[in-house]
Amino acid sequence: TYWRAPGDAGIPPAADWTGSENLGAARFHWPVPEVFDLSGMRSIGYSGEVVLPLELVPRDAGAPIGLAGVIDLGICEEICVPVSLRLAADLPLPGAPDPAIRAALDAVPPRVSAPVRCRVEPIRDGLRVTAEITHPALGAGEVAVIEAGDPSVWVSEPVLERAGPVLTAVADLVPAEARPFALDRSAVVITLMGGGKAVELTGCPAG
């Protein structure tokens, strides 16, 4: 299945928790994914088995959560198809620890503080972002993924160039209306991957 930013060849996951009771917030924690190349197209996701921890926060901290929702995923073998999973459970307080969930949380890329400078310029159908990131390469097969903070904004696969400790990543951001827009720089997330490792950087300050 696919990571939260699946690449051009992937199916982005989505969740709808409408119908849940006493649910204040829900978010997935994503372990380090793999990068796949198929017929010249890149996708990002998981092979074999993956545990995706789901963190649920109750509105009323002293009451249980009645979870109800639908998760849409791409499931792949020889081809990939969209699948909807319906979930329903009454979750008592407190939950029990689980070693599989703990191991998956330990595999989530750490959020690091590294110098990042971003130049943003308008293009015909959106924005072009040039990010200069000062961070050593993590290993073979270096990849950078830029997320705009808004899942409706399409982001191209960045073009990378490394000069010593500085990685330059250039990507186009195209919203649904296909025109220049105001980018919330603080919401941008840049994930660097390589050698089976990954780190996450938040924010794209002007520089």
N, C-alpha and C. Protein backbone atom coordinates (compact mmCIF):
# COMPACT_ATOMS: atom_id res chain seq x y z
N THR A 1 0.85 -1.18 0.00
CA THR A 1 0.00 0.00 0.00
C THR A 1 0.89 1.24 0.00
N TYR A 2 0.28 2.44 0.06
CA TYR A 2 1.01 3.67 -0.19
C TYR A 2 1.22 4.51 1.07
N TRP A 3 2.26 5.29 1.01
CA TRP A 3 2.58 6.30 2.02
C TRP A 3 1.63 7.48 1.85
N ARG A 4 1.69 8.44 2.80
CA ARG A 4 0.75 9.57 2.77
C ARG A 4 0.92 10.43 1.52
N ALA A 5 2.15 10.51 0.98
CA ALA A 5 2.41 11.20 -0.29
C ALA A 5 2.91 10.12 -1.25
N PRO A 6 2.01 9.52 -2.05
CA PRO A 6 2.34 8.27 -2.73
C PRO A 6 3.11 8.41 -4.03
N GLY A 7 3.36 9.63 -4.51
CA GLY A 7 3.98 9.80 -5.81
C GLY A 7 2.95 9.76 -6.92
N ASP A 8 3.41 10.08 -8.14
CA ASP A 8 2.49 10.17 -9.28
C ASP A 8 1.82 8.85 -9.60
N ALA A 9 2.48 7.73 -9.28
CA ALA A 9 1.92 6.43 -9.64
C ALA A 9 1.10 5.82 -8.51
N GLY A 10 0.90 6.56 -7.41
CA GLY A 10 0.23 5.99 -6.24
C GLY A 10 -1.16 6.53 -6.02
N ILE A 11 -1.84 5.89 -5.08
CA ILE A 11 -3.19 6.29 -4.68
C ILE A 11 -3.10 6.88 -3.28
N PRO A 12 -3.40 8.16 -3.09
CA PRO A 12 -3.25 8.76 -1.76
C PRO A 12 -4.27 8.21 -0.78
N PRO A 13 -3.84 7.85 0.42
CA PRO A 13 -4.77 7.35 1.42
C PRO A 13 -5.63 8.49 1.98
N ALA A 14 -6.84 8.15 2.41
CA ALA A 14 -7.75 9.15 2.99
C ALA A 14 -8.62 8.47 4.03
N ALA A 15 -9.01 9.23 5.05
CA ALA A 15 -9.86 8.69 6.11
C ALA A 15 -10.99 9.66 6.41
N ASP A 16 -12.16 9.12 6.68
CA ASP A 16 -13.34 9.90 7.05
C ASP A 16 -13.90 9.30 8.33
N TRP A 17 -13.90 10.09 9.41
CA TRP A 17 -14.34 9.59 10.71
C TRP A 17 -15.73 10.08 11.08
N THR A 18 -16.51 10.49 10.06
CA THR A 18 -17.89 10.92 10.31
C THR A 18 -18.67 9.78 10.97
N GLY A 19 -19.41 10.11 12.03
CA GLY A 19 -20.17 9.10 12.75
C GLY A 19 -19.51 8.64 14.02
N SER A 20 -18.24 9.05 14.24
CA SER A 20 -17.57 8.70 15.49
C SER A 20 -18.13 9.51 16.65
N GLU A 21 -18.03 8.97 17.84
CA GLU A 21 -18.50 9.65 19.04
C GLU A 21 -17.31 9.96 19.96
N ASN A 22 -17.30 11.19 20.48
CA ASN A 22 -16.28 11.65 21.41
C ASN A 22 -14.88 11.60 20.79
N LEU A 23 -14.79 11.83 19.48
CA LEU A 23 -13.50 11.85 18.81
C LEU A 23 -13.11 13.29 18.51
N GLY A 24 -12.05 13.76 19.16
CA GLY A 24 -11.60 15.13 18.94
C GLY A 24 -10.62 15.25 17.78
N ALA A 25 -9.75 14.26 17.61
CA ALA A 25 -8.75 14.30 16.54
C ALA A 25 -8.27 12.89 16.26
N ALA A 26 -7.83 12.67 15.02
CA ALA A 26 -7.28 11.37 14.62
C ALA A 26 -6.16 11.62 13.62
N ARG A 27 -5.04 10.96 13.82
CA ARG A 27 -3.96 11.08 12.84
C ARG A 27 -3.12 9.81 12.80
N PHE A 28 -2.65 9.51 11.57
CA PHE A 28 -1.78 8.37 11.37
C PHE A 28 -0.33 8.77 11.66
N HIS A 29 0.46 7.79 12.09
CA HIS A 29 1.91 7.95 12.20
C HIS A 29 2.53 7.01 11.17
N TRP A 30 3.36 7.58 10.27
CA TRP A 30 3.82 6.85 9.09
C TRP A 30 5.27 6.40 9.27
N PRO A 31 5.52 5.08 9.36
CA PRO A 31 6.90 4.59 9.38
C PRO A 31 7.63 4.93 8.08
N VAL A 32 8.97 4.82 8.12
CA VAL A 32 9.77 5.10 6.92
C VAL A 32 9.28 4.22 5.77
N PRO A 33 8.93 4.82 4.62
CA PRO A 33 8.43 4.03 3.50
C PRO A 33 9.56 3.58 2.57
N GLU A 34 9.17 2.86 1.53
CA GLU A 34 10.09 2.46 0.47
C GLU A 34 9.75 3.26 -0.79
N VAL A 35 10.74 3.38 -1.67
CA VAL A 35 10.55 4.06 -2.96
C VAL A 35 10.58 3.01 -4.06
N PHE A 36 9.56 3.01 -4.91
CA PHE A 36 9.44 2.03 -5.99
C PHE A 36 9.46 2.76 -7.33
N ASP A 37 10.17 2.20 -8.29
CA ASP A 37 10.18 2.74 -9.65
C ASP A 37 9.58 1.69 -10.58
N LEU A 38 8.55 2.08 -11.32
CA LEU A 38 7.88 1.17 -12.24
C LEU A 38 7.60 1.90 -13.54
N SER A 39 8.22 1.43 -14.60
CA SER A 39 8.03 2.01 -15.94
C SER A 39 8.30 3.50 -15.95
N GLY A 40 9.35 3.91 -15.23
CA GLY A 40 9.74 5.31 -15.23
C GLY A 40 8.94 6.19 -14.30
N MET A 41 8.00 5.62 -13.54
CA MET A 41 7.21 6.40 -12.59
C MET A 41 7.54 5.97 -11.17
N ARG A 42 7.56 6.95 -10.27
CA ARG A 42 7.94 6.68 -8.88
C ARG A 42 6.71 6.61 -8.00
N SER A 43 6.69 5.64 -7.11
CA SER A 43 5.67 5.61 -6.07
C SER A 43 6.36 5.35 -4.74
N ILE A 44 5.67 5.70 -3.65
CA ILE A 44 6.24 5.59 -2.31
C ILE A 44 5.23 4.86 -1.45
N GLY A 45 5.69 3.81 -0.77
CA GLY A 45 4.76 3.04 0.03
C GLY A 45 5.44 1.92 0.78
N TYR A 46 4.72 0.82 0.93
CA TYR A 46 5.16 -0.29 1.77
C TYR A 46 4.91 -1.61 1.06
N SER A 47 5.83 -2.56 1.26
CA SER A 47 5.64 -3.91 0.73
C SER A 47 5.51 -4.88 1.90
N GLY A 48 4.93 -6.03 1.61
CA GLY A 48 4.76 -7.03 2.67
C GLY A 48 3.71 -6.58 3.66
N GLU A 49 4.13 -6.35 4.89
CA GLU A 49 3.20 -5.97 5.96
C GLU A 49 3.68 -4.68 6.60
N VAL A 50 2.75 -3.80 6.94
CA VAL A 50 3.09 -2.56 7.63
C VAL A 50 2.05 -2.31 8.72
N VAL A 51 2.50 -1.78 9.84
CA VAL A 51 1.61 -1.34 10.91
C VAL A 51 1.56 0.18 10.85
N LEU A 52 0.37 0.75 10.66
CA LEU A 52 0.17 2.20 10.62
C LEU A 52 -0.52 2.61 11.92
N PRO A 53 0.23 3.10 12.89
CA PRO A 53 -0.41 3.51 14.15
C PRO A 53 -1.38 4.67 13.92
N LEU A 54 -2.53 4.57 14.54
CA LEU A 54 -3.56 5.61 14.46
C LEU A 54 -3.75 6.19 15.86
N GLU A 55 -3.45 7.46 16.00
CA GLU A 55 -3.58 8.16 17.29
C GLU A 55 -4.95 8.83 17.37
N LEU A 56 -5.72 8.49 18.39
CA LEU A 56 -7.07 9.03 18.57
C LEU A 56 -7.09 9.86 19.85
N VAL A 57 -7.63 11.05 19.76
CA VAL A 57 -7.72 11.95 20.91
C VAL A 57 -9.20 12.20 21.20
N PRO A 58 -9.69 11.87 22.40
CA PRO A 58 -11.10 12.09 22.71
C PRO A 58 -11.38 13.57 22.97
N ARG A 59 -12.58 14.00 22.65
CA ARG A 59 -12.99 15.36 23.03
C ARG A 59 -13.08 15.47 24.54
N ASP A 60 -13.71 14.48 25.16
CA ASP A 60 -13.82 14.40 26.61
C ASP A 60 -12.82 13.35 27.08
N ALA A 61 -11.75 13.81 27.74
CA ALA A 61 -10.65 12.90 28.09
C ALA A 61 -11.08 11.80 29.05
N GLY A 62 -12.19 11.97 29.73
CA GLY A 62 -12.61 10.96 30.69
C GLY A 62 -13.62 9.97 30.16
N ALA A 63 -13.92 10.03 28.87
CA ALA A 63 -14.96 9.16 28.30
C ALA A 63 -14.37 8.35 27.15
N PRO A 64 -14.92 7.16 26.88
CA PRO A 64 -14.43 6.33 25.77
C PRO A 64 -14.79 6.92 24.42
N ILE A 65 -14.13 6.40 23.38
CA ILE A 65 -14.38 6.82 22.00
C ILE A 65 -15.19 5.75 21.30
N GLY A 66 -16.23 6.17 20.60
CA GLY A 66 -16.96 5.28 19.69
C GLY A 66 -16.47 5.56 18.28
N LEU A 67 -15.60 4.71 17.77
CA LEU A 67 -14.96 4.96 16.47
C LEU A 67 -15.81 4.40 15.34
N ALA A 68 -16.02 5.22 14.32
CA ALA A 68 -16.70 4.79 13.10
C ALA A 68 -16.10 5.56 11.94
N GLY A 69 -15.74 4.87 10.89
CA GLY A 69 -15.15 5.59 9.78
C GLY A 69 -14.84 4.70 8.60
N VAL A 70 -14.32 5.35 7.55
CA VAL A 70 -13.94 4.68 6.31
C VAL A 70 -12.53 5.13 5.95
N ILE A 71 -11.66 4.17 5.65
CA ILE A 71 -10.31 4.46 5.18
C ILE A 71 -10.19 3.99 3.74
N ASP A 72 -9.79 4.87 2.86
CA ASP A 72 -9.57 4.53 1.45
C ASP A 72 -8.07 4.36 1.21
N LEU A 73 -7.69 3.20 0.68
CA LEU A 73 -6.28 2.86 0.45
C LEU A 73 -6.12 2.27 -0.95
N GLY A 74 -4.89 2.33 -1.45
CA GLY A 74 -4.54 1.56 -2.63
C GLY A 74 -3.88 0.27 -2.19
N ILE A 75 -4.38 -0.86 -2.65
CA ILE A 75 -3.83 -2.16 -2.31
C ILE A 75 -3.23 -2.76 -3.58
N CYS A 76 -1.99 -3.22 -3.49
CA CYS A 76 -1.26 -3.63 -4.69
C CYS A 76 -0.76 -5.06 -4.59
N GLU A 77 -0.83 -5.76 -5.73
CA GLU A 77 -0.08 -6.99 -5.93
C GLU A 77 0.58 -6.85 -7.30
N GLU A 78 -0.02 -7.39 -8.35
CA GLU A 78 0.51 -7.13 -9.69
C GLU A 78 0.00 -5.79 -10.22
N ILE A 79 -1.22 -5.42 -9.83
CA ILE A 79 -1.75 -4.09 -10.13
C ILE A 79 -2.26 -3.51 -8.81
N CYS A 80 -2.54 -2.20 -8.81
CA CYS A 80 -3.03 -1.53 -7.60
C CYS A 80 -4.48 -1.12 -7.80
N VAL A 81 -5.29 -1.37 -6.79
CA VAL A 81 -6.71 -1.04 -6.87
C VAL A 81 -7.11 -0.30 -5.59
N PRO A 82 -8.06 0.63 -5.68
CA PRO A 82 -8.54 1.32 -4.48
C PRO A 82 -9.46 0.41 -3.67
N VAL A 83 -9.29 0.45 -2.35
CA VAL A 83 -10.09 -0.36 -1.45
C VAL A 83 -10.59 0.52 -0.32
N SER A 84 -11.87 0.36 0.07
CA SER A 84 -12.43 1.08 1.22
C SER A 84 -12.59 0.12 2.39
N LEU A 85 -12.04 0.50 3.53
CA LEU A 85 -12.13 -0.30 4.74
C LEU A 85 -13.04 0.43 5.73
N ARG A 86 -14.07 -0.25 6.20
CA ARG A 86 -14.97 0.34 7.18
C ARG A 86 -14.57 -0.14 8.57
N LEU A 87 -14.41 0.82 9.48
CA LEU A 87 -13.99 0.51 10.84
C LEU A 87 -15.06 0.95 11.82
N ALA A 88 -15.29 0.13 12.84
CA ALA A 88 -16.21 0.50 13.93
C ALA A 88 -15.74 -0.22 15.19
N ALA A 89 -15.58 0.54 16.27
CA ALA A 89 -15.15 -0.07 17.53
C ALA A 89 -15.46 0.87 18.68
N ASP A 90 -15.81 0.29 19.81
CA ASP A 90 -15.92 1.05 21.05
C ASP A 90 -14.60 0.88 21.79
N LEU A 91 -13.91 2.00 22.03
CA LEU A 91 -12.56 1.95 22.59
C LEU A 91 -12.60 2.38 24.05
N PRO A 92 -12.44 1.44 24.96
CA PRO A 92 -12.46 1.80 26.38
C PRO A 92 -11.17 2.51 26.79
N LEU A 93 -11.21 3.16 27.93
CA LEU A 93 -10.01 3.82 28.47
C LEU A 93 -9.52 3.03 29.67
N PRO A 94 -8.21 2.88 29.85
CA PRO A 94 -7.16 3.23 28.88
C PRO A 94 -6.90 2.06 27.95
N GLY A 95 -6.16 2.31 26.85
CA GLY A 95 -5.79 1.24 25.94
C GLY A 95 -4.61 0.46 26.49
N ALA A 96 -4.41 -0.74 25.95
CA ALA A 96 -3.30 -1.59 26.38
C ALA A 96 -2.10 -1.37 25.47
N PRO A 97 -0.86 -1.39 26.03
CA PRO A 97 0.31 -1.25 25.17
C PRO A 97 0.45 -2.43 24.21
N ASP A 98 1.04 -2.17 23.04
CA ASP A 98 1.19 -3.22 22.03
C ASP A 98 2.59 -3.10 21.43
N PRO A 99 3.40 -4.15 21.46
CA PRO A 99 4.78 -4.03 20.97
C PRO A 99 4.85 -3.76 19.46
N ALA A 100 3.89 -4.24 18.67
CA ALA A 100 3.91 -3.97 17.23
C ALA A 100 3.69 -2.49 16.95
N ILE A 101 2.79 -1.87 17.72
CA ILE A 101 2.55 -0.44 17.55
C ILE A 101 3.77 0.36 18.01
N ARG A 102 4.38 -0.06 19.11
CA ARG A 102 5.57 0.63 19.61
C ARG A 102 6.70 0.57 18.59
N ALA A 103 6.89 -0.60 17.96
CA ALA A 103 7.94 -0.74 16.95
C ALA A 103 7.66 0.14 15.74
N ALA A 104 6.38 0.25 15.34
CA ALA A 104 6.03 1.10 14.20
C ALA A 104 6.27 2.56 14.53
N LEU A 105 5.95 2.97 15.75
CA LEU A 105 6.20 4.37 16.16
C LEU A 105 7.69 4.67 16.17
N ASP A 106 8.50 3.70 16.58
CA ASP A 106 9.94 3.90 16.59
C ASP A 106 10.51 4.04 15.18
N ALA A 107 9.76 3.54 14.17
CA ALA A 107 10.21 3.61 12.78
C ALA A 107 9.74 4.85 12.05
N VAL A 108 9.00 5.73 12.74
CA VAL A 108 8.55 6.98 12.13
C VAL A 108 9.76 7.92 11.96
N PRO A 109 9.94 8.56 10.79
CA PRO A 109 11.08 9.45 10.61
C PRO A 109 11.10 10.56 11.66
N PRO A 110 12.26 10.81 12.26
CA PRO A 110 12.33 11.89 13.25
C PRO A 110 12.19 13.26 12.58
N ARG A 111 11.60 14.18 13.31
CA ARG A 111 11.53 15.56 12.83
C ARG A 111 12.80 16.27 13.27
N VAL A 112 13.55 16.78 12.31
CA VAL A 112 14.85 17.37 12.62
C VAL A 112 14.83 18.85 12.28
N SER A 113 15.77 19.56 12.88
CA SER A 113 15.95 20.98 12.62
C SER A 113 17.20 21.14 11.79
N ALA A 114 17.04 21.50 10.53
CA ALA A 114 18.17 21.71 9.63
C ALA A 114 17.91 23.00 8.86
N PRO A 115 18.99 23.71 8.49
CA PRO A 115 18.79 24.95 7.73
C PRO A 115 18.09 24.70 6.40
N VAL A 116 16.99 25.40 6.18
CA VAL A 116 16.22 25.31 4.93
C VAL A 116 15.95 26.73 4.44
N ARG A 117 16.22 26.97 3.17
CA ARG A 117 15.87 28.25 2.54
C ARG A 117 15.06 27.95 1.29
N CYS A 118 13.94 28.66 1.14
CA CYS A 118 13.05 28.39 0.02
C CYS A 118 12.80 29.65 -0.80
N ARG A 119 12.85 29.48 -2.10
CA ARG A 119 12.45 30.53 -3.03
C ARG A 119 11.17 30.07 -3.72
N VAL A 120 10.16 30.91 -3.71
CA VAL A 120 8.86 30.58 -4.30
C VAL A 120 8.57 31.57 -5.41
N GLU A 121 8.25 31.05 -6.59
CA GLU A 121 7.93 31.93 -7.72
C GLU A 121 6.68 31.42 -8.42
N PRO A 122 5.84 32.34 -8.92
CA PRO A 122 4.63 31.91 -9.61
C PRO A 122 4.95 31.32 -10.98
N ILE A 123 4.19 30.30 -11.36
CA ILE A 123 4.21 29.76 -12.72
C ILE A 123 2.78 29.79 -13.24
N ARG A 124 2.58 29.38 -14.47
CA ARG A 124 1.27 29.55 -15.10
C ARG A 124 0.15 28.89 -14.30
N ASP A 125 0.41 27.69 -13.78
CA ASP A 125 -0.66 26.95 -13.12
C ASP A 125 -0.43 26.74 -11.63
N GLY A 126 0.48 27.49 -11.03
CA GLY A 126 0.72 27.34 -9.59
C GLY A 126 1.97 28.04 -9.13
N LEU A 127 2.81 27.31 -8.40
CA LEU A 127 4.05 27.87 -7.86
C LEU A 127 5.19 26.90 -8.11
N ARG A 128 6.39 27.47 -8.22
CA ARG A 128 7.61 26.66 -8.24
C ARG A 128 8.39 26.95 -6.97
N VAL A 129 8.73 25.88 -6.24
CA VAL A 129 9.46 26.01 -4.99
C VAL A 129 10.87 25.45 -5.20
N THR A 130 11.86 26.27 -4.84
CA THR A 130 13.25 25.83 -4.84
C THR A 130 13.73 25.84 -3.40
N ALA A 131 13.97 24.65 -2.86
CA ALA A 131 14.37 24.52 -1.46
C ALA A 131 15.84 24.13 -1.39
N GLU A 132 16.61 24.87 -0.60
CA GLU A 132 18.01 24.55 -0.33
C GLU A 132 18.09 24.02 1.10
N ILE A 133 18.46 22.76 1.23
CA ILE A 133 18.43 22.07 2.52
C ILE A 133 19.85 21.68 2.89
N THR A 134 20.32 22.13 4.03
CA THR A 134 21.65 21.76 4.49
C THR A 134 21.52 20.55 5.41
N HIS A 135 21.76 19.38 4.82
CA HIS A 135 21.67 18.13 5.58
C HIS A 135 22.47 17.07 4.83
N PRO A 136 23.30 16.29 5.51
CA PRO A 136 24.08 15.27 4.80
C PRO A 136 23.17 14.22 4.19
N ALA A 137 23.64 13.59 3.11
CA ALA A 137 22.89 12.51 2.48
C ALA A 137 22.71 11.36 3.45
N LEU A 138 21.52 10.77 3.43
CA LEU A 138 21.22 9.67 4.36
C LEU A 138 21.74 8.33 3.86
N GLY A 139 21.97 8.23 2.55
CA GLY A 139 22.44 6.97 1.99
C GLY A 139 22.11 6.89 0.52
N ALA A 140 22.28 5.69 -0.03
CA ALA A 140 22.06 5.49 -1.46
C ALA A 140 20.61 5.74 -1.84
N GLY A 141 20.42 6.15 -3.09
CA GLY A 141 19.07 6.38 -3.60
C GLY A 141 18.38 7.56 -2.95
N GLU A 142 19.08 8.69 -2.83
CA GLU A 142 18.52 9.85 -2.14
C GLU A 142 17.26 10.35 -2.83
N VAL A 143 16.24 10.61 -2.01
CA VAL A 143 14.93 11.09 -2.49
C VAL A 143 14.47 12.20 -1.57
N ALA A 144 13.82 13.21 -2.13
CA ALA A 144 13.17 14.26 -1.34
C ALA A 144 11.70 14.32 -1.76
N VAL A 145 10.83 14.50 -0.79
CA VAL A 145 9.40 14.66 -1.05
C VAL A 145 8.96 15.97 -0.41
N ILE A 146 8.29 16.81 -1.17
CA ILE A 146 7.77 18.08 -0.67
C ILE A 146 6.25 17.97 -0.60
N GLU A 147 5.69 18.30 0.56
CA GLU A 147 4.24 18.33 0.74
C GLU A 147 3.83 19.77 1.05
N ALA A 148 2.76 20.22 0.39
CA ALA A 148 2.36 21.63 0.48
C ALA A 148 1.59 21.96 1.75
N GLY A 149 1.20 20.94 2.53
CA GLY A 149 0.37 21.18 3.70
C GLY A 149 -1.11 21.13 3.39
N ASP A 150 -1.45 21.08 2.11
CA ASP A 150 -2.84 20.96 1.64
C ASP A 150 -2.88 19.78 0.68
N PRO A 151 -3.56 18.68 1.04
CA PRO A 151 -3.52 17.49 0.17
C PRO A 151 -4.15 17.70 -1.20
N SER A 152 -4.92 18.78 -1.38
CA SER A 152 -5.51 19.02 -2.70
C SER A 152 -4.51 19.65 -3.67
N VAL A 153 -3.35 20.07 -3.18
CA VAL A 153 -2.32 20.66 -4.04
C VAL A 153 -1.40 19.55 -4.55
N TRP A 154 -1.33 19.39 -5.87
CA TRP A 154 -0.44 18.40 -6.48
C TRP A 154 0.98 18.94 -6.46
N VAL A 155 1.93 18.08 -6.09
CA VAL A 155 3.34 18.47 -6.03
C VAL A 155 4.12 17.53 -6.92
N SER A 156 4.92 18.08 -7.82
CA SER A 156 5.70 17.25 -8.73
C SER A 156 6.86 16.57 -7.99
N GLU A 157 7.39 15.52 -8.59
CA GLU A 157 8.59 14.88 -8.05
C GLU A 157 9.74 15.88 -8.13
N PRO A 158 10.38 16.22 -7.01
CA PRO A 158 11.43 17.25 -7.05
C PRO A 158 12.63 16.83 -7.89
N VAL A 159 13.20 17.79 -8.56
CA VAL A 159 14.49 17.62 -9.23
C VAL A 159 15.57 17.97 -8.23
N LEU A 160 16.52 17.03 -8.02
CA LEU A 160 17.50 17.18 -6.96
C LEU A 160 18.89 17.46 -7.52
N GLU A 161 19.63 18.25 -6.75
CA GLU A 161 21.05 18.49 -7.05
C GLU A 161 21.77 18.66 -5.72
N ARG A 162 22.81 17.88 -5.51
CA ARG A 162 23.56 17.97 -4.25
C ARG A 162 24.95 18.53 -4.50
N ALA A 163 25.34 19.48 -3.63
CA ALA A 163 26.69 20.03 -3.62
C ALA A 163 27.19 19.95 -2.19
N GLY A 164 27.90 18.86 -1.87
CA GLY A 164 28.36 18.66 -0.51
C GLY A 164 27.19 18.47 0.44
N PRO A 165 27.15 19.27 1.50
CA PRO A 165 26.06 19.09 2.47
C PRO A 165 24.74 19.74 2.05
N VAL A 166 24.72 20.47 0.93
CA VAL A 166 23.52 21.21 0.52
C VAL A 166 22.80 20.47 -0.59
N LEU A 167 21.53 20.15 -0.33
CA LEU A 167 20.66 19.53 -1.33
C LEU A 167 19.67 20.57 -1.83
N THR A 168 19.61 20.75 -3.13
CA THR A 168 18.63 21.65 -3.75
C THR A 168 17.53 20.81 -4.38
N ALA A 169 16.29 21.12 -4.01
CA ALA A 169 15.12 20.39 -4.53
C ALA A 169 14.17 21.40 -5.17
N VAL A 170 13.80 21.16 -6.42
CA VAL A 170 12.90 22.05 -7.15
C VAL A 170 11.65 21.28 -7.52
N ALA A 171 10.48 21.82 -7.13
CA ALA A 171 9.21 21.14 -7.41
C ALA A 171 8.15 22.17 -7.76
N ASP A 172 7.18 21.74 -8.57
CA ASP A 172 6.03 22.58 -8.92
C ASP A 172 4.84 22.18 -8.05
N LEU A 173 4.11 23.18 -7.56
CA LEU A 173 2.92 22.99 -6.74
C LEU A 173 1.73 23.52 -7.53
N VAL A 174 0.76 22.65 -7.79
CA VAL A 174 -0.38 23.02 -8.64
C VAL A 174 -1.67 22.74 -7.89
N PRO A 175 -2.46 23.79 -7.57
CA PRO A 175 -3.74 23.58 -6.89
C PRO A 175 -4.83 23.15 -7.87
N ALA A 176 -5.99 22.81 -7.35
CA ALA A 176 -7.09 22.33 -8.20
C ALA A 176 -7.51 23.37 -9.24
N GLU A 177 -7.42 24.65 -8.87
CA GLU A 177 -7.83 25.70 -9.81
C GLU A 177 -6.73 26.06 -10.80
N ALA A 178 -5.54 25.43 -10.68
CA ALA A 178 -4.44 25.59 -11.63
C ALA A 178 -4.07 27.05 -11.87
N ARG A 179 -3.72 27.73 -10.77
CA ARG A 179 -3.26 29.11 -10.88
C ARG A 179 -2.40 29.42 -9.65
N PRO A 180 -1.59 30.48 -9.69
CA PRO A 180 -0.78 30.84 -8.52
C PRO A 180 -1.65 31.05 -7.29
N PHE A 181 -1.10 30.71 -6.11
CA PHE A 181 -1.87 30.79 -4.87
C PHE A 181 -0.95 31.19 -3.74
N ALA A 182 -1.55 31.51 -2.59
CA ALA A 182 -0.78 31.89 -1.41
C ALA A 182 -0.36 30.63 -0.67
N LEU A 183 0.93 30.41 -0.56
CA LEU A 183 1.46 29.21 0.10
C LEU A 183 1.73 29.51 1.57
N ASP A 184 1.20 28.65 2.44
CA ASP A 184 1.51 28.74 3.87
C ASP A 184 2.85 28.04 4.07
N ARG A 185 3.92 28.81 4.13
CA ARG A 185 5.27 28.24 4.22
C ARG A 185 5.44 27.39 5.48
N SER A 186 4.77 27.76 6.56
CA SER A 186 4.94 27.02 7.82
C SER A 186 4.33 25.62 7.74
N ALA A 187 3.42 25.38 6.78
CA ALA A 187 2.76 24.08 6.67
C ALA A 187 3.49 23.12 5.74
N VAL A 188 4.50 23.62 5.03
CA VAL A 188 5.24 22.76 4.10
C VAL A 188 6.06 21.74 4.88
N VAL A 189 6.04 20.49 4.41
CA VAL A 189 6.84 19.41 5.01
C VAL A 189 7.76 18.85 3.94
N ILE A 190 9.04 18.74 4.26
CA ILE A 190 10.03 18.15 3.36
C ILE A 190 10.58 16.90 4.02
N THR A 191 10.47 15.77 3.34
CA THR A 191 10.99 14.50 3.86
C THR A 191 12.16 14.06 2.98
N LEU A 192 13.29 13.80 3.62
CA LEU A 192 14.47 13.29 2.93
C LEU A 192 14.58 11.80 3.23
N MET A 193 14.88 11.00 2.19
CA MET A 193 14.99 9.55 2.34
C MET A 193 16.25 9.07 1.64
N GLY A 194 16.78 7.97 2.14
CA GLY A 194 17.94 7.34 1.51
C GLY A 194 18.50 6.26 2.40
N GLY A 195 18.95 5.17 1.79
CA GLY A 195 19.55 4.10 2.56
C GLY A 195 18.63 3.48 3.58
N GLY A 196 17.31 3.49 3.31
CA GLY A 196 16.36 2.92 4.25
C GLY A 196 16.06 3.79 5.45
N LYS A 197 16.55 5.03 5.45
CA LYS A 197 16.31 5.97 6.54
C LYS A 197 15.58 7.19 6.00
N ALA A 198 15.03 8.01 6.91
CA ALA A 198 14.34 9.22 6.51
C ALA A 198 14.34 10.21 7.66
N VAL A 199 14.28 11.50 7.32
CA VAL A 199 14.09 12.57 8.29
C VAL A 199 13.06 13.53 7.73
N GLU A 200 12.41 14.26 8.62
CA GLU A 200 11.33 15.16 8.24
C GLU A 200 11.67 16.58 8.70
N LEU A 201 11.46 17.55 7.82
CA LEU A 201 11.68 18.95 8.15
C LEU A 201 10.38 19.70 7.91
N THR A 202 10.04 20.58 8.83
CA THR A 202 8.79 21.33 8.74
C THR A 202 9.09 22.81 8.50
N GLY A 203 8.40 23.38 7.52
CA GLY A 203 8.56 24.81 7.23
C GLY A 203 9.47 25.03 6.03
N CYS A 204 9.19 26.11 5.31
CA CYS A 204 9.93 26.44 4.10
C CYS A 204 10.18 27.95 4.09
N PRO A 205 11.04 28.45 5.00
CA PRO A 205 11.22 29.89 5.16
C PRO A 205 11.89 30.51 3.94
N ALA A 206 11.59 31.79 3.72
CA ALA A 206 12.19 32.51 2.60
C ALA A 206 13.68 32.66 2.82
N GLY A 207 14.42 32.61 1.75
CA GLY A 207 15.86 32.77 1.86
C GLY A 207 16.47 33.12 0.52
